[in-house]
PDB file of N, CA and C in Angstrom:
ATOM      1  N   MET A   1      24.494   0.956   8.456  1.00  0.00           N
ATOM      2  CA  MET A   1      24.643  -0.455   8.759  1.00  0.00           C
ATOM      3  C   MET A   1      26.117  -0.812   8.651  1.00  0.00           C
ATOM      4  N   ASN A   2      26.652  -1.383   9.698  1.00  0.00           N
ATOM      5  CA  ASN A   2      28.030  -1.871   9.694  1.00  0.00           C
ATOM      6  C   ASN A   2      28.024  -3.327   9.279  1.00  0.00           C
ATOM      7  N   LEU A   3      28.881  -3.670   8.340  1.00  0.00           N
ATOM      8  CA  LEU A   3      28.962  -5.042   7.838  1.00  0.00           C
ATOM      9  C   LEU A   3      30.317  -5.615   8.197  1.00  0.00           C
ATOM     10  N   ASN A   4      30.304  -6.749   8.889  1.00  0.00           N
ATOM     11  CA  ASN A   4      31.517  -7.468   9.228  1.00  0.00           C
ATOM     12  C   ASN A   4      31.456  -8.801   8.494  1.00  0.00           C
ATOM     13  N   LEU A   5      32.304  -8.971   7.509  1.00  0.00           N
ATOM     14  CA  LEU A   5      32.301 -10.171   6.667  1.00  0.00           C
ATOM     15  C   LEU A   5      33.587 -10.933   6.923  1.00  0.00           C
ATOM     16  N   SER A   6      33.469 -12.195   7.320  1.00  0.00           N
ATOM     17  CA  SER A   6      34.653 -12.997   7.595  1.00  0.00           C
ATOM     18  C   SER A   6      34.524 -14.358   6.924  1.00  0.00           C
ATOM     19  N   GLY A   7      35.663 -14.952   6.645  1.00  0.00           N
ATOM     20  CA  GLY A   7      35.691 -16.253   5.989  1.00  0.00           C
ATOM     21  C   GLY A   7      36.431 -17.274   6.825  1.00  0.00           C
ATOM     22  N   HIS A   8      35.907 -18.470   6.856  1.00  0.00           N
ATOM     23  CA  HIS A   8      36.526 -19.573   7.576  1.00  0.00           C
ATOM     24  C   HIS A   8      36.935 -20.597   6.531  1.00  0.00           C
ATOM     25  N   HIS A   9      38.236 -20.789   6.347  1.00  0.00           N
ATOM     26  CA  HIS A   9      38.799 -21.628   5.288  1.00  0.00           C
ATOM     27  C   HIS A   9      38.418 -21.088   3.906  1.00  0.00           C
ATOM     28  N   LEU A  10      38.317 -19.769   3.811  1.00  0.00           N
ATOM     29  CA  LEU A  10      37.883 -19.142   2.568  1.00  0.00           C
ATOM     30  C   LEU A  10      38.412 -17.719   2.524  1.00  0.00           C
ATOM     31  N   ASP A  11      38.918 -17.326   1.369  1.00  0.00           N
ATOM     32  CA  ASP A  11      39.325 -15.937   1.176  1.00  0.00           C
ATOM     33  C   ASP A  11      38.141 -15.167   0.615  1.00  0.00           C
ATOM     34  N   ILE A  12      37.858 -14.027   1.205  1.00  0.00           N
ATOM     35  CA  ILE A  12      36.741 -13.196   0.756  1.00  0.00           C
ATOM     36  C   ILE A  12      37.221 -12.372  -0.435  1.00  0.00           C
ATOM     37  N   THR A  13      36.695 -12.667  -1.596  1.00  0.00           N
ATOM     38  CA  THR A  13      37.049 -11.922  -2.800  1.00  0.00           C
ATOM     39  C   THR A  13      36.149 -10.694  -2.916  1.00  0.00           C
ATOM     40  N   PRO A  14      36.569  -9.717  -3.681  1.00  0.00           N
ATOM     41  CA  PRO A  14      35.706  -8.543  -3.886  1.00  0.00           C
ATOM     42  C   PRO A  14      34.359  -8.900  -4.520  1.00  0.00           C
ATOM     43  N   ALA A  15      34.327  -9.935  -5.353  1.00  0.00           N
ATOM     44  CA  ALA A  15      33.073 -10.352  -5.982  1.00  0.00           C
ATOM     45  C   ALA A  15      32.095 -10.916  -4.944  1.00  0.00           C
ATOM     46  N   ILE A  16      32.597 -11.733  -4.026  1.00  0.00           N
ATOM     47  CA  ILE A  16      31.733 -12.304  -2.982  1.00  0.00           C
ATOM     48  C   ILE A  16      31.266 -11.187  -2.045  1.00  0.00           C
ATOM     49  N   ARG A  17      32.173 -10.263  -1.698  1.00  0.00           N
ATOM     50  CA  ARG A  17      31.805  -9.150  -0.826  1.00  0.00           C
ATOM     51  C   ARG A  17      30.707  -8.301  -1.477  1.00  0.00           C
ATOM     52  N   ALA A  18      30.851  -7.996  -2.745  1.00  0.00           N
ATOM     53  CA  ALA A  18      29.847  -7.190  -3.451  1.00  0.00           C
ATOM     54  C   ALA A  18      28.514  -7.929  -3.530  1.00  0.00           C
ATOM     55  N   TYR A  19      28.556  -9.251  -3.735  1.00  0.00           N
ATOM     56  CA  TYR A  19      27.333 -10.047  -3.823  1.00  0.00           C
ATOM     57  C   TYR A  19      26.586 -10.053  -2.489  1.00  0.00           C
ATOM     58  N   VAL A  20      27.318 -10.201  -1.384  1.00  0.00           N
ATOM     59  CA  VAL A  20      26.696 -10.200  -0.058  1.00  0.00           C
ATOM     60  C   VAL A  20      26.092  -8.828   0.233  1.00  0.00           C
ATOM     61  N   VAL A  21      26.815  -7.762  -0.096  1.00  0.00           N
ATOM     62  CA  VAL A  21      26.317  -6.407   0.152  1.00  0.00           C
ATOM     63  C   VAL A  21      25.046  -6.160  -0.661  1.00  0.00           C
ATOM     64  N   ASN A  22      25.027  -6.581  -1.914  1.00  0.00           N
ATOM     65  CA  ASN A  22      23.832  -6.398  -2.755  1.00  0.00           C
ATOM     66  C   ASN A  22      22.635  -7.173  -2.216  1.00  0.00           C
ATOM     67  N   LYS A  23      22.860  -8.344  -1.665  1.00  0.00           N
ATOM     68  CA  LYS A  23      21.763  -9.136  -1.113  1.00  0.00           C
ATOM     69  C   LYS A  23      21.247  -8.556   0.203  1.00  0.00           C
ATOM     70  N   LEU A  24      22.132  -7.959   0.998  1.00  0.00           N
ATOM     71  CA  LEU A  24      21.706  -7.395   2.270  1.00  0.00           C
ATOM     72  C   LEU A  24      21.008  -6.045   2.110  1.00  0.00           C
ATOM     73  N   VAL A  25      21.105  -5.451   0.940  1.00  0.00           N
ATOM     74  CA  VAL A  25      20.382  -4.206   0.678  1.00  0.00           C
ATOM     75  C   VAL A  25      18.880  -4.449   0.773  1.00  0.00           C
ATOM     76  N   ARG A  26      18.442  -5.623   0.372  1.00  0.00           N
ATOM     77  CA  ARG A  26      17.018  -5.968   0.438  1.00  0.00           C
ATOM     78  C   ARG A  26      16.512  -5.980   1.877  1.00  0.00           C
ATOM     79  N   VAL A  27      17.347  -6.429   2.797  1.00  0.00           N
ATOM     80  CA  VAL A  27      16.969  -6.446   4.213  1.00  0.00           C
ATOM     81  C   VAL A  27      16.830  -5.010   4.730  1.00  0.00           C
ATOM     82  N   THR A  28      17.769  -4.151   4.371  1.00  0.00           N
ATOM     83  CA  THR A  28      17.706  -2.773   4.834  1.00  0.00           C
ATOM     84  C   THR A  28      16.597  -1.994   4.137  1.00  0.00           C
ATOM     85  N   ARG A  29      16.150  -2.451   2.986  1.00  0.00           N
ATOM     86  CA  ARG A  29      15.028  -1.800   2.312  1.00  0.00           C
ATOM     87  C   ARG A  29      13.734  -2.013   3.101  1.00  0.00           C
ATOM     88  N   HIS A  30      13.587  -3.179   3.733  1.00  0.00           N
ATOM     89  CA  HIS A  30      12.398  -3.463   4.529  1.00  0.00           C
ATOM     90  C   HIS A  30      12.479  -2.849   5.924  1.00  0.00           C
ATOM     91  N   PHE A  31      13.676  -2.785   6.466  1.00  0.00           N
ATOM     92  CA  PHE A  31      13.836  -2.316   7.841  1.00  0.00           C
ATOM     93  C   PHE A  31      15.170  -1.588   7.922  1.00  0.00           C
ATOM     94  N   ASP A  32      15.142  -0.272   8.060  1.00  0.00           N
ATOM     95  CA  ASP A  32      16.376   0.506   7.982  1.00  0.00           C
ATOM     96  C   ASP A  32      17.005   0.815   9.341  1.00  0.00           C
ATOM     97  N   HIS A  33      16.544   0.172  10.421  1.00  0.00           N
ATOM     98  CA  HIS A  33      17.128   0.384  11.740  1.00  0.00           C
ATOM     99  C   HIS A  33      18.112  -0.717  12.111  1.00  0.00           C
ATOM    100  N   VAL A  34      18.827  -1.232  11.131  1.00  0.00           N
ATOM    101  CA  VAL A  34      19.811  -2.287  11.365  1.00  0.00           C
ATOM    102  C   VAL A  34      21.098  -1.633  11.871  1.00  0.00           C
ATOM    103  N   ILE A  35      21.601  -2.095  13.015  1.00  0.00           N
ATOM    104  CA  ILE A  35      22.807  -1.530  13.591  1.00  0.00           C
ATOM    105  C   ILE A  35      24.043  -2.142  12.937  1.00  0.00           C
ATOM    106  N   ASP A  36      24.152  -3.456  12.999  1.00  0.00           N
ATOM    107  CA  ASP A  36      25.274  -4.102  12.331  1.00  0.00           C
ATOM    108  C   ASP A  36      24.921  -5.529  11.946  1.00  0.00           C
ATOM    109  N   VAL A  37      25.720  -6.067  11.010  1.00  0.00           N
ATOM    110  CA  VAL A  37      25.520  -7.420  10.495  1.00  0.00           C
ATOM    111  C   VAL A  37      26.867  -8.131  10.512  1.00  0.00           C
ATOM    112  N   ASN A  38      26.882  -9.323  11.088  1.00  0.00           N
ATOM    113  CA  ASN A  38      28.072 -10.181  11.067  1.00  0.00           C
ATOM    114  C   ASN A  38      27.776 -11.376  10.181  1.00  0.00           C
ATOM    115  N   VAL A  39      28.538 -11.512   9.110  1.00  0.00           N
ATOM    116  CA  VAL A  39      28.344 -12.617   8.174  1.00  0.00           C
ATOM    117  C   VAL A  39      29.611 -13.454   8.162  1.00  0.00           C
ATOM    118  N   THR A  40      29.446 -14.770   8.318  1.00  0.00           N
ATOM    119  CA  THR A  40      30.569 -15.696   8.282  1.00  0.00           C
ATOM    120  C   THR A  40      30.345 -16.688   7.150  1.00  0.00           C
ATOM    121  N   LEU A  41      31.316 -16.779   6.265  1.00  0.00           N
ATOM    122  CA  LEU A  41      31.277 -17.735   5.158  1.00  0.00           C
ATOM    123  C   LEU A  41      32.290 -18.827   5.468  1.00  0.00           C
ATOM    124  N   SER A  42      31.876 -20.081   5.370  1.00  0.00           N
ATOM    125  CA  SER A  42      32.804 -21.170   5.653  1.00  0.00           C
ATOM    126  C   SER A  42      32.652 -22.290   4.632  1.00  0.00           C
ATOM    127  N   VAL A  43      33.739 -23.017   4.449  1.00  0.00           N
ATOM    128  CA  VAL A  43      33.777 -24.114   3.487  1.00  0.00           C
ATOM    129  C   VAL A  43      34.329 -25.349   4.180  1.00  0.00           C
ATOM    130  N   ASP A  44      33.609 -26.468   4.087  1.00  0.00           N
ATOM    131  CA  ASP A  44      34.073 -27.775   4.538  1.00  0.00           C
ATOM    132  C   ASP A  44      33.836 -28.760   3.409  1.00  0.00           C
ATOM    133  N   LYS A  45      34.876 -29.085   2.684  1.00  0.00           N
ATOM    134  CA  LYS A  45      34.815 -29.974   1.520  1.00  0.00           C
ATOM    135  C   LYS A  45      33.757 -29.486   0.535  1.00  0.00           C
ATOM    136  N   LEU A  46      32.637 -30.155   0.391  1.00  0.00           N
ATOM    137  CA  LEU A  46      31.600 -29.738  -0.558  1.00  0.00           C
ATOM    138  C   LEU A  46      30.456 -28.980   0.107  1.00  0.00           C
ATOM    139  N   ARG A  47      30.622 -28.652   1.355  1.00  0.00           N
ATOM    140  CA  ARG A  47      29.562 -27.999   2.132  1.00  0.00           C
ATOM    141  C   ARG A  47      29.886 -26.513   2.305  1.00  0.00           C
ATOM    142  N   GLN A  48      29.072 -25.648   1.693  1.00  0.00           N
ATOM    143  CA  GLN A  48      29.250 -24.200   1.793  1.00  0.00           C
ATOM    144  C   GLN A  48      28.233 -23.667   2.807  1.00  0.00           C
ATOM    145  N   GLN A  49      28.700 -23.019   3.848  1.00  0.00           N
ATOM    146  CA  GLN A  49      27.822 -22.550   4.908  1.00  0.00           C
ATOM    147  C   GLN A  49      27.963 -21.042   5.073  1.00  0.00           C
ATOM    148  N   VAL A  50      26.814 -20.385   5.196  1.00  0.00           N
ATOM    149  CA  VAL A  50      26.783 -18.947   5.430  1.00  0.00           C
ATOM    150  C   VAL A  50      25.953 -18.706   6.686  1.00  0.00           C
ATOM    151  N   THR A  51      26.508 -17.948   7.632  1.00  0.00           N
ATOM    152  CA  THR A  51      25.833 -17.631   8.879  1.00  0.00           C
ATOM    153  C   THR A  51      25.803 -16.114   9.037  1.00  0.00           C
ATOM    154  N   ALA A  52      24.664 -15.589   9.495  1.00  0.00           N
ATOM    155  CA  ALA A  52      24.553 -14.142   9.683  1.00  0.00           C
ATOM    156  C   ALA A  52      23.869 -13.845  11.008  1.00  0.00           C
ATOM    157  N   ASN A  53      24.373 -12.833  11.694  1.00  0.00           N
ATOM    158  CA  ASN A  53      23.758 -12.291  12.903  1.00  0.00           C
ATOM    159  C   ASN A  53      23.444 -10.830  12.622  1.00  0.00           C
ATOM    160  N   LEU A  54      22.181 -10.505  12.709  1.00  0.00           N
ATOM    161  CA  LEU A  54      21.704  -9.156  12.435  1.00  0.00           C
ATOM    162  C   LEU A  54      21.344  -8.518  13.771  1.00  0.00           C
ATOM    163  N   HIS A  55      21.982  -7.413  14.087  1.00  0.00           N
ATOM    164  CA  HIS A  55      21.735  -6.753  15.367  1.00  0.00           C
ATOM    165  C   HIS A  55      20.870  -5.520  15.117  1.00  0.00           C
ATOM    166  N   ILE A  56      19.648  -5.558  15.678  1.00  0.00           N
ATOM    167  CA  ILE A  56      18.764  -4.402  15.626  1.00  0.00           C
ATOM    168  C   ILE A  56      18.401  -4.035  17.053  1.00  0.00           C
ATOM    169  N   ARG A  57      17.840  -2.872  17.225  1.00  0.00           N
ATOM    170  CA  ARG A  57      17.540  -2.383  18.560  1.00  0.00           C
ATOM    171  C   ARG A  57      16.556  -3.325  19.244  1.00  0.00           C
ATOM    172  N   GLY A  58      16.999  -3.927  20.326  1.00  0.00           N
ATOM    173  CA  GLY A  58      16.131  -4.788  21.113  1.00  0.00           C
ATOM    174  C   GLY A  58      16.134  -6.246  20.717  1.00  0.00           C
ATOM    175  N   LYS A  59      16.825  -6.615  19.631  1.00  0.00           N
ATOM    176  CA  LYS A  59      16.773  -8.009  19.209  1.00  0.00           C
ATOM    177  C   LYS A  59      17.960  -8.345  18.320  1.00  0.00           C
ATOM    178  N   ASP A  60      18.391  -9.595  18.383  1.00  0.00           N
ATOM    179  CA  ASP A  60      19.388 -10.126  17.468  1.00  0.00           C
ATOM    180  C   ASP A  60      18.718 -11.208  16.632  1.00  0.00           C
ATOM    181  N   ILE A  61      18.901 -11.143  15.332  1.00  0.00           N
ATOM    182  CA  ILE A  61      18.306 -12.119  14.422  1.00  0.00           C
ATOM    183  C   ILE A  61      19.431 -12.973  13.857  1.00  0.00           C
ATOM    184  N   HIS A  62      19.258 -14.281  13.931  1.00  0.00           N
ATOM    185  CA  HIS A  62      20.271 -15.232  13.470  1.00  0.00           C
ATOM    186  C   HIS A  62      19.697 -16.072  12.336  1.00  0.00           C
ATOM    187  N   ALA A  63      20.499 -16.261  11.298  1.00  0.00           N
ATOM    188  CA  ALA A  63      20.099 -17.137  10.193  1.00  0.00           C
ATOM    189  C   ALA A  63      21.327 -17.892   9.705  1.00  0.00           C
ATOM    190  N   GLU A  64      21.073 -19.093   9.222  1.00  0.00           N
ATOM    191  CA  GLU A  64      22.154 -19.955   8.764  1.00  0.00           C
ATOM    192  C   GLU A  64      21.667 -20.762   7.573  1.00  0.00           C
ATOM    193  N   CYS A  65      22.539 -20.957   6.599  1.00  0.00           N
ATOM    194  CA  CYS A  65      22.149 -21.712   5.418  1.00  0.00           C
ATOM    195  C   CYS A  65      23.336 -22.533   4.917  1.00  0.00           C
ATOM    196  N   VAL A  66      23.056 -23.759   4.491  1.00  0.00           N
ATOM    197  CA  VAL A  66      24.077 -24.665   3.964  1.00  0.00           C
ATOM    198  C   VAL A  66      23.641 -25.116   2.579  1.00  0.00           C
ATOM    199  N   GLN A  67      24.506 -24.942   1.599  1.00  0.00           N
ATOM    200  CA  GLN A  67      24.247 -25.353   0.220  1.00  0.00           C
ATOM    201  C   GLN A  67      25.533 -25.924  -0.365  1.00  0.00           C
ATOM    202  N   SER A  68      25.441 -26.439  -1.572  1.00  0.00           N
ATOM    203  CA  SER A  68      26.644 -26.923  -2.243  1.00  0.00           C
ATOM    204  C   SER A  68      27.343 -25.799  -3.012  1.00  0.00           C
ATOM    205  N   ASP A  69      26.639 -24.700  -3.250  1.00  0.00           N
ATOM    206  CA  ASP A  69      27.201 -23.548  -3.957  1.00  0.00           C
ATOM    207  C   ASP A  69      27.154 -22.332  -3.027  1.00  0.00           C
ATOM    208  N   MET A  70      28.230 -21.565  -2.967  1.00  0.00           N
ATOM    209  CA  MET A  70      28.300 -20.427  -2.056  1.00  0.00           C
ATOM    210  C   MET A  70      27.279 -19.351  -2.409  1.00  0.00           C
ATOM    211  N   TYR A  71      27.114 -19.067  -3.690  1.00  0.00           N
ATOM    212  CA  TYR A  71      26.168 -18.032  -4.107  1.00  0.00           C
ATOM    213  C   TYR A  71      24.721 -18.451  -3.811  1.00  0.00           C
ATOM    214  N   ALA A  72      24.417 -19.728  -3.972  1.00  0.00           N
ATOM    215  CA  ALA A  72      23.082 -20.223  -3.628  1.00  0.00           C
ATOM    216  C   ALA A  72      22.846 -20.114  -2.123  1.00  0.00           C
ATOM    217  N   ALA A  73      23.879 -20.370  -1.335  1.00  0.00           N
ATOM    218  CA  ALA A  73      23.765 -20.248   0.121  1.00  0.00           C
ATOM    219  C   ALA A  73      23.534 -18.794   0.523  1.00  0.00           C
ATOM    220  N   ILE A  74      24.203 -17.864  -0.148  1.00  0.00           N
ATOM    221  CA  ILE A  74      24.006 -16.436   0.146  1.00  0.00           C
ATOM    222  C   ILE A  74      22.594 -16.014  -0.218  1.00  0.00           C
ATOM    223  N   ASP A  75      22.092 -16.508  -1.368  1.00  0.00           N
ATOM    224  CA  ASP A  75      20.711 -16.201  -1.775  1.00  0.00           C
ATOM    225  C   ASP A  75      19.706 -16.699  -0.741  1.00  0.00           C
ATOM    226  N   ALA A  76      19.859 -17.948  -0.313  1.00  0.00           N
ATOM    227  CA  ALA A  76      18.938 -18.532   0.659  1.00  0.00           C
ATOM    228  C   ALA A  76      19.026 -17.798   1.999  1.00  0.00           C
ATOM    229  N   LEU A  77      20.221 -17.412   2.396  1.00  0.00           N
ATOM    230  CA  LEU A  77      20.386 -16.664   3.645  1.00  0.00           C
ATOM    231  C   LEU A  77      19.693 -15.305   3.562  1.00  0.00           C
ATOM    232  N   ALA A  78      19.815 -14.631   2.435  1.00  0.00           N
ATOM    233  CA  ALA A  78      19.155 -13.330   2.268  1.00  0.00           C
ATOM    234  C   ALA A  78      17.641 -13.488   2.352  1.00  0.00           C
ATOM    235  N   ASP A  79      17.099 -14.563   1.776  1.00  0.00           N
ATOM    236  CA  ASP A  79      15.659 -14.821   1.862  1.00  0.00           C
ATOM    237  C   ASP A  79      15.225 -15.057   3.306  1.00  0.00           C
ATOM    238  N   LYS A  80      15.996 -15.849   4.041  1.00  0.00           N
ATOM    239  CA  LYS A  80      15.654 -16.130   5.443  1.00  0.00           C
ATOM    240  C   LYS A  80      15.694 -14.854   6.281  1.00  0.00           C
ATOM    241  N   LEU A  81      16.747 -14.072   6.105  1.00  0.00           N
ATOM    242  CA  LEU A  81      16.859 -12.827   6.869  1.00  0.00           C
ATOM    243  C   LEU A  81      15.731 -11.867   6.529  1.00  0.00           C
ATOM    244  N   ASP A  82      15.382 -11.803   5.258  1.00  0.00           N
ATOM    245  CA  ASP A  82      14.307 -10.915   4.820  1.00  0.00           C
ATOM    246  C   ASP A  82      12.981 -11.303   5.463  1.00  0.00           C
ATOM    247  N   ARG A  83      12.669 -12.598   5.476  1.00  0.00           N
ATOM    248  CA  ARG A  83      11.426 -13.060   6.098  1.00  0.00           C
ATOM    249  C   ARG A  83      11.417 -12.758   7.591  1.00  0.00           C
ATOM    250  N   GLN A  84      12.538 -12.987   8.266  1.00  0.00           N
ATOM    251  CA  GLN A  84      12.598 -12.746   9.702  1.00  0.00           C
ATOM    252  C   GLN A  84      12.471 -11.266  10.038  1.00  0.00           C
ATOM    253  N   VAL A  85      13.082 -10.407   9.224  1.00  0.00           N
ATOM    254  CA  VAL A  85      13.007  -8.965   9.472  1.00  0.00           C
ATOM    255  C   VAL A  85      11.594  -8.460   9.238  1.00  0.00           C
ATOM    256  N   VAL A  86      10.936  -8.929   8.175  1.00  0.00           N
ATOM    257  CA  VAL A  86       9.556  -8.514   7.907  1.00  0.00           C
ATOM    258  C   VAL A  86       8.638  -8.982   9.032  1.00  0.00           C
ATOM    259  N   LYS A  87       8.840 -10.198   9.522  1.00  0.00           N
ATOM    260  CA  LYS A  87       8.029 -10.712  10.622  1.00  0.00           C
ATOM    261  C   LYS A  87       8.243  -9.884  11.885  1.00  0.00           C
ATOM    262  N   TYR A  88       9.486  -9.526  12.182  1.00  0.00           N
ATOM    263  CA  TYR A  88       9.787  -8.703  13.354  1.00  0.00           C
ATOM    264  C   TYR A  88       9.158  -7.319  13.211  1.00  0.00           C
ATOM    265  N   LYS A  89       9.242  -6.754  12.020  1.00  0.00           N
ATOM    266  CA  LYS A  89       8.684  -5.421  11.791  1.00  0.00           C
ATOM    267  C   LYS A  89       7.166  -5.419  11.939  1.00  0.00           C
ATOM    268  N   GLU A  90       6.495  -6.443  11.400  1.00  0.00           N
ATOM    269  CA  GLU A  90       5.041  -6.534  11.534  1.00  0.00           C
ATOM    270  C   GLU A  90       4.634  -6.740  12.987  1.00  0.00           C
ATOM    271  N   LYS A  91       5.397  -7.532  13.700  1.00  0.00           N
ATOM    272  CA  LYS A  91       5.097  -7.783  15.104  1.00  0.00           C
ATOM    273  C   LYS A  91       5.284  -6.506  15.930  1.00  0.00           C
ATOM    274  N   ARG A  92       6.314  -5.754  15.606  1.00  0.00           N
ATOM    275  CA  ARG A  92       6.603  -4.524  16.334  1.00  0.00           C
ATOM    276  C   ARG A  92       5.579  -3.435  16.040  1.00  0.00           C
ATOM    277  N   ASN A  93       5.138  -3.316  14.807  1.00  0.00           N
ATOM    278  CA  ASN A  93       4.201  -2.268  14.419  1.00  0.00           C
ATOM    279  C   ASN A  93       2.749  -2.716  14.519  1.00  0.00           C
ATOM    280  N   GLY A  94       2.487  -3.972  14.773  1.00  0.00           N
ATOM    281  CA  GLY A  94       1.130  -4.485  14.794  1.00  0.00           C
ATOM    282  C   GLY A  94       0.362  -4.209  16.059  1.00  0.00           C
ATOM    283  N   HIS A  95       0.983  -3.681  17.090  1.00  0.00           N
ATOM    284  CA  HIS A  95       0.310  -3.476  18.360  1.00  0.00           C
ATOM    285  C   HIS A  95      -0.317  -2.091  18.496  1.00  0.00           C
ATOM    286  N   ARG A  96      -0.262  -1.314  17.454  1.00  0.00           N
ATOM    287  CA  ARG A  96      -0.864   0.014  17.507  1.00  0.00           C
ATOM    288  C   ARG A  96      -2.355  -0.098  17.245  1.00  0.00           C
ATOM    289  N   HIS A  97      -3.117   0.757  17.887  1.00  0.00           N
ATOM    290  CA  HIS A  97      -4.563   0.731  17.732  1.00  0.00           C
ATOM    291  C   HIS A  97      -4.988   1.833  16.788  1.00  0.00           C
ATOM    292  N   ASP A  98      -6.027   1.575  16.048  1.00  0.00           N
ATOM    293  CA  ASP A  98      -6.582   2.553  15.128  1.00  0.00           C
ATOM    294  C   ASP A  98      -7.570   3.424  15.898  1.00  0.00           C
ATOM    295  N   PRO A  99      -7.299   4.719  16.103  1.00  0.00           N
ATOM    296  CA  PRO A  99      -8.197   5.537  16.913  1.00  0.00           C
ATOM    297  C   PRO A  99      -9.557   5.751  16.258  1.00  0.00           C
ATOM    298  N   ILE A 100      -9.629   5.739  14.941  1.00  0.00           N
ATOM    299  CA  ILE A 100     -10.916   5.923  14.261  1.00  0.00           C
ATOM    300  C   ILE A 100     -11.812   4.715  14.499  1.00  0.00           C
ATOM    301  N   ALA A 101     -11.256   3.525  14.421  1.00  0.00           N
ATOM    302  CA  ALA A 101     -12.048   2.320  14.659  1.00  0.00           C
ATOM    303  C   ALA A 101     -12.517   2.273  16.113  1.00  0.00           C
ATOM    304  N   ALA A 102     -11.702   2.738  17.018  1.00  0.00           N
ATOM    305  CA  ALA A 102     -12.088   2.749  18.430  1.00  0.00           C
ATOM    306  C   ALA A 102     -13.240   3.716  18.657  1.00  0.00           C
ATOM    307  N   LYS A 103     -13.241   4.846  17.967  1.00  0.00           N
ATOM    308  CA  LYS A 103     -14.332   5.817  18.122  1.00  0.00           C
ATOM    309  C   LYS A 103     -15.627   5.265  17.536  1.00  0.00           C
ATOM    310  N   ARG A 104     -15.506   4.545  16.407  1.00  0.00           N
ATOM    311  CA  ARG A 104     -16.714   3.982  15.791  1.00  0.00           C
ATOM    312  C   ARG A 104     -17.371   2.945  16.683  1.00  0.00           C
ATOM    313  N   THR A 105     -16.589   2.129  17.331  1.00  0.00           N
ATOM    314  CA  THR A 105     -17.176   1.097  18.183  1.00  0.00           C
ATOM    315  C   THR A 105     -17.661   1.681  19.500  1.00  0.00           C
ATOM    316  N   ALA A 106     -17.041   2.752  19.975  1.00  0.00           N
ATOM    317  CA  ALA A 106     -17.445   3.345  21.243  1.00  0.00           C
ATOM    318  C   ALA A 106     -18.679   4.238  21.092  1.00  0.00           C
ATOM    319  N   ALA A 107     -18.900   4.817  19.925  1.00  0.00           N
ATOM    320  CA  ALA A 107     -20.011   5.755  19.733  1.00  0.00           C
ATOM    321  C   ALA A 107     -21.378   5.088  19.878  1.00  0.00           C
ATOM    322  N   PRO A 108     -21.675   3.950  19.276  1.00  0.00           N
ATOM    323  CA  PRO A 108     -22.994   3.350  19.449  1.00  0.00           C
ATOM    324  C   PRO A 108     -23.271   2.934  20.893  1.00  0.00           C
ATOM    325  N   ILE A 109     -22.280   2.550  21.622  1.00  0.00           N
ATOM    326  CA  ILE A 109     -22.479   2.153  23.010  1.00  0.00           C
ATOM    327  C   ILE A 109     -22.857   3.371  23.845  1.00  0.00           C
ATOM    328  N   ALA A 110     -22.258   4.517  23.569  1.00  0.00           N
ATOM    329  CA  ALA A 110     -22.543   5.718  24.337  1.00  0.00           C
ATOM    330  C   ALA A 110     -23.949   6.249  24.047  1.00  0.00           C
ATOM    331  N   LYS A 111     -24.514   6.035  22.872  1.00  0.00           N
ATOM    332  CA  LYS A 111     -25.831   6.547  22.507  1.00  0.00           C
ATOM    333  C   LYS A 111     -26.964   5.731  23.134  1.00  0.00           C
ATOM    334  N   ARG A 112     -26.698   4.505  23.468  1.00  0.00           N
ATOM    335  CA  ARG A 112     -27.733   3.678  24.075  1.00  0.00           C
ATOM    336  C   ARG A 112     -28.043   4.170  25.483  1.00  0.00           C
ATOM    337  N   ARG A 113     -29.303   4.272  25.765  1.00  0.00           N
ATOM    338  CA  ARG A 113     -29.709   4.680  27.112  1.00  0.00           C
ATOM    339  C   ARG A 113     -30.707   3.662  27.641  1.00  0.00           C
ATOM    340  N   LYS A 114     -30.588   3.435  28.900  1.00  0.00           N
ATOM    341  CA  LYS A 114     -31.515   2.500  29.530  1.00  0.00           C
ATOM    342  C   LYS A 114     -32.801   3.257  29.868  1.00  0.00           C
ATOM    343  N   PRO A 115     -33.951   2.658  29.680  1.00  0.00           N
ATOM    344  CA  PRO A 115     -35.195   3.335  30.056  1.00  0.00           C
ATOM    345  C   PRO A 115     -35.278   3.467  31.573  1.00  0.00           C
ATOM    346  N   ALA A 116     -35.899   4.526  31.997  1.00  0.00           N
ATOM    347  CA  ALA A 116     -36.025   4.795  33.428  1.00  0.00           C
ATOM    348  C   ALA A 116     -36.925   3.751  34.061  1.00  0.00           C
ATOM    349  N   ALA A 117     -36.534   3.189  35.168  1.00  0.00           N
ATOM    350  CA  ALA A 117     -37.295   2.129  35.828  1.00  0.00           C
ATOM    351  C   ALA A 117     -38.519   2.672  36.562  1.00  0.00           C
ATOM    352  N   GLY A 118     -38.457   3.922  37.016  1.00  0.00           N
ATOM    353  CA  GLY A 118     -39.549   4.484  37.785  1.00  0.00           C
ATOM    354  C   GLY A 118     -40.655   5.077  36.926  1.00  0.00           C
ATOM    355  N   VAL A 119     -40.519   5.201  35.646  1.00  0.00           N
ATOM    356  CA  VAL A 119     -41.534   5.859  34.817  1.00  0.00           C
ATOM    357  C   VAL A 119     -42.581   4.922  34.346  1.00  0.00           C
TER     358      VAL A 119
END
């Protein structure tokens, strides 16, 4: 996973960088096919905003969070990204059919025979 972390009116300290990386580990724990992540941290007076774009094969996931505290905004953003990734993963893997269940439902139909009309 490539991480691009940028700040708008904010210097990215090693502590903030480490905190963001630790929070994004949870996203990669649920779905490890993440290509890259772009995270933008910005400050406008008392408004702390964190925006993330997660690029995975076939889809881009966007999340944004605004809080009064930067660490709280990062926490909320990690929760949003985690929910979106889990939803995408379930949607992607949910279309597979269970072959055993298909055989069970098909077997009783095949055993039924219609009585002969001429007998």
